[in-house]
Amino acid sequence: MNTIAFRRARPSDLPAVIALLADDPLGREREDLSQPLAPAYEAAFATIDSDPNQLLAVVTEDDRVIGTLQITFIPGLSRQGALRGQIEAVRIAADRRGAGLGHRVFDWAIEACRARGCALVQLTTDRGRPEAHRFYEQLGFTASHLGYKKAL
C-alpha cells in the first residue's frame, strides 16, 4: 500500500508543484512549464519559504509529489485580533483525483491552521471552477464574501 504524507515543500519539489499548478484549464494559461523553470519561480519559492506566515506544502505518495497547497497565516485586528488561515493553490494530480484525497488535504490544512491558532480558515476560488465550489461547500465552507482582483 502506498503511503500518503504531507510536508513543507522543498526546492527540489518546485518543478512538480509548478506542473500541478499548470494542470488545469486556468493554470495552463498562467504558468510556464519550460525548462529550466523561469527564475521568478525560484525567487517566489525562496520568499515563501523564508516567511514564517507562509506554508507551501506538498502531498506525497511514496516519493512522488501528487498534490500541493499554500497556507498564508494572516494576523489581523478584526474578530478580536484573530489569526486567519488563507488556503490557496490547492491542486491534486489528475490521476489521483476522485479518490478522496482532496478531503484529506483540507483536513490536514485545517488542522495545520488550528494548530497555529487560527480562529478562521478562508479561501478564494475562481468563478470558473463550479465543481470546486461544490466541493468547498461539502467541506463546510460558505460563500460569504465577494472578492475582487486587479492585475498590475
Protein backbone atom coordinates (compact mmCIF):
# COMPACT_ATOMS: atom_id res chain seq x y z
CA MET A 1 0.00 0.00 0.00
CA ASN A 2 1.29 3.45 -0.92
CA THR A 3 1.96 5.97 1.82
CA ILE A 4 0.37 9.45 1.62
CA ALA A 5 2.26 12.15 3.52
CA PHE A 6 2.11 15.93 3.93
CA ARG A 7 5.19 18.12 4.37
CA ARG A 8 6.67 21.55 3.75
CA ALA A 9 7.77 21.88 0.12
CA ARG A 10 11.48 21.71 -0.67
CA PRO A 11 13.31 23.45 -3.52
CA SER A 12 13.56 20.12 -5.32
CA ASP A 13 9.73 19.92 -5.34
CA LEU A 14 9.37 23.12 -7.36
CA PRO A 15 9.07 21.54 -10.85
CA ALA A 16 6.36 19.17 -9.62
CA VAL A 17 4.47 21.99 -7.87
CA ILE A 18 4.53 24.18 -10.99
CA ALA A 19 3.37 21.21 -13.09
CA LEU A 20 0.43 20.71 -10.73
CA LEU A 21 -0.48 24.40 -10.91
CA ALA A 22 -0.42 24.24 -14.72
CA ASP A 23 -2.54 21.08 -14.92
CA ASP A 24 -5.97 22.64 -15.33
CA PRO A 25 -7.64 24.96 -17.86
CA LEU A 26 -6.89 28.16 -15.92
CA GLY A 27 -3.37 27.15 -14.92
CA ARG A 28 -2.39 26.29 -18.49
CA GLU A 29 -2.93 29.96 -19.34
CA ARG A 30 -0.97 31.29 -16.35
CA GLU A 31 2.03 29.02 -15.81
CA ASP A 32 5.24 28.44 -17.78
CA LEU A 33 6.46 24.85 -17.85
CA SER A 34 9.54 25.49 -19.97
CA GLN A 35 12.76 24.02 -18.59
CA PRO A 36 14.68 25.21 -16.81
CA LEU A 37 11.94 26.88 -14.80
CA ALA A 38 11.74 30.64 -15.01
CA PRO A 39 13.89 32.27 -12.31
CA ALA A 40 10.79 34.04 -10.97
CA TYR A 41 9.52 30.68 -9.68
CA GLU A 42 12.71 30.07 -7.70
CA ALA A 43 12.64 33.62 -6.31
CA ALA A 44 9.00 33.24 -5.29
CA PHE A 45 9.73 29.90 -3.62
CA ALA A 46 12.61 31.44 -1.66
CA THR A 47 10.37 34.31 -0.50
CA ILE A 48 7.57 31.96 0.55
CA ASP A 49 9.92 29.54 2.28
CA SER A 50 11.60 32.28 4.32
CA ASP A 51 8.33 33.84 5.52
CA PRO A 52 7.07 32.35 8.82
CA ASN A 53 3.49 33.25 7.84
CA GLN A 54 3.64 31.12 4.70
CA LEU A 55 3.42 27.35 4.36
CA LEU A 56 3.84 25.87 0.91
CA ALA A 57 3.09 22.19 1.35
CA VAL A 58 3.17 19.12 -0.82
CA VAL A 59 1.29 15.86 -0.66
CA THR A 60 3.43 12.86 -1.49
CA GLU A 61 2.66 9.29 -2.34
CA ASP A 62 5.81 7.36 -1.63
CA ASP A 63 8.36 9.68 -3.31
CA ARG A 64 6.03 11.30 -5.87
CA VAL A 65 4.51 14.77 -5.33
CA ILE A 66 0.80 14.31 -6.04
CA GLY A 67 -0.62 17.49 -4.53
CA THR A 68 0.16 20.96 -3.29
CA LEU A 69 -1.37 23.85 -1.39
CA GLN A 70 -0.30 27.09 0.23
CA ILE A 71 -1.48 28.46 3.54
CA THR A 72 -0.96 32.10 4.45
CA PHE A 73 -1.37 32.93 8.12
CA ILE A 74 -2.87 36.42 8.32
CA PRO A 75 -2.76 38.31 11.60
CA GLY A 76 -5.46 40.93 11.96
CA LEU A 77 -7.32 43.16 14.35
CA SER A 78 -10.83 42.17 13.32
CA ARG A 79 -12.57 39.34 15.16
CA GLN A 80 -10.75 40.40 18.31
CA GLY A 81 -7.28 40.01 16.88
CA ALA A 82 -7.95 36.68 15.21
CA LEU A 83 -5.38 34.87 13.11
CA ARG A 84 -6.76 33.61 9.79
CA GLY A 85 -5.57 30.78 7.61
CA GLN A 86 -5.89 31.53 3.90
CA ILE A 87 -5.77 28.32 1.84
CA GLU A 88 -4.78 28.79 -1.79
CA ALA A 89 -3.46 26.98 -4.86
CA VAL A 90 -4.78 23.55 -3.92
CA ARG A 91 -4.03 21.05 -6.66
CA ILE A 92 -4.17 17.26 -6.89
CA ALA A 93 -2.50 15.27 -9.68
CA ALA A 94 -5.02 14.38 -12.40
CA ASP A 95 -4.52 10.64 -11.99
CA ARG A 96 -5.23 10.88 -8.22
CA ARG A 97 -8.42 12.97 -8.38
CA GLY A 98 -11.72 11.46 -7.32
CA ALA A 99 -10.25 9.16 -4.65
CA GLY A 100 -10.95 11.33 -1.58
CA LEU A 101 -7.50 12.91 -1.49
CA GLY A 102 -8.96 16.44 -1.63
CA HIS A 103 -10.82 15.79 1.62
CA ARG A 104 -7.59 14.59 3.24
CA VAL A 105 -5.74 17.67 2.00
CA PHE A 106 -8.31 20.00 3.52
CA ASP A 107 -8.46 18.04 6.77
CA TRP A 108 -4.68 18.41 7.00
CA ALA A 109 -4.73 22.12 6.08
CA ILE A 110 -7.49 22.95 8.54
CA GLU A 111 -5.65 21.09 11.30
CA ALA A 112 -2.45 23.00 10.43
CA CYS A 113 -4.41 26.25 10.81
CA ARG A 114 -5.96 25.09 14.08
CA ALA A 115 -2.52 24.10 15.43
CA ARG A 116 -1.20 27.55 14.53
CA GLY A 117 -4.05 29.19 16.49
CA CYS A 118 -6.25 30.35 13.64
CA ALA A 119 -9.81 31.31 14.50
CA LEU A 120 -10.95 31.19 10.88
CA VAL A 121 -10.00 29.37 7.70
CA GLN A 122 -10.82 31.01 4.38
CA LEU A 123 -10.15 30.55 0.70
CA THR A 124 -10.87 32.11 -2.64
CA THR A 125 -11.79 30.27 -5.79
CA ASP A 126 -12.15 31.31 -9.39
CA ARG A 127 -15.73 31.76 -10.59
CA GLY A 128 -14.85 29.43 -13.46
CA ARG A 129 -14.48 26.43 -11.11
CA PRO A 130 -18.07 25.41 -10.25
CA GLU A 131 -17.01 21.86 -9.31
CA ALA A 132 -14.57 23.32 -6.78
CA HIS A 133 -17.36 25.49 -5.35
CA ARG A 134 -19.49 22.42 -4.71
CA PHE A 135 -16.53 20.65 -3.13
CA TYR A 136 -15.80 23.55 -0.75
CA GLU A 137 -19.45 23.73 0.27
CA GLN A 138 -19.40 19.98 1.03
CA LEU A 139 -16.45 20.69 3.33
CA GLY A 140 -18.49 23.27 5.26
CA PHE A 141 -17.19 26.46 3.66
CA THR A 142 -19.76 29.14 2.87
CA ALA A 143 -19.67 31.66 0.04
CA SER A 144 -19.96 34.58 2.44
CA HIS A 145 -17.98 37.25 0.59
CA LEU A 146 -17.48 38.58 -2.91
CA GLY A 147 -13.84 39.05 -3.88
CA TYR A 148 -12.20 41.36 -6.38
CA LYS A 149 -8.78 41.35 -8.03
CA LYS A 150 -6.90 43.80 -10.17
CA ALA A 151 -3.98 42.74 -12.31
CA LEU A 152 -0.96 45.04 -12.03
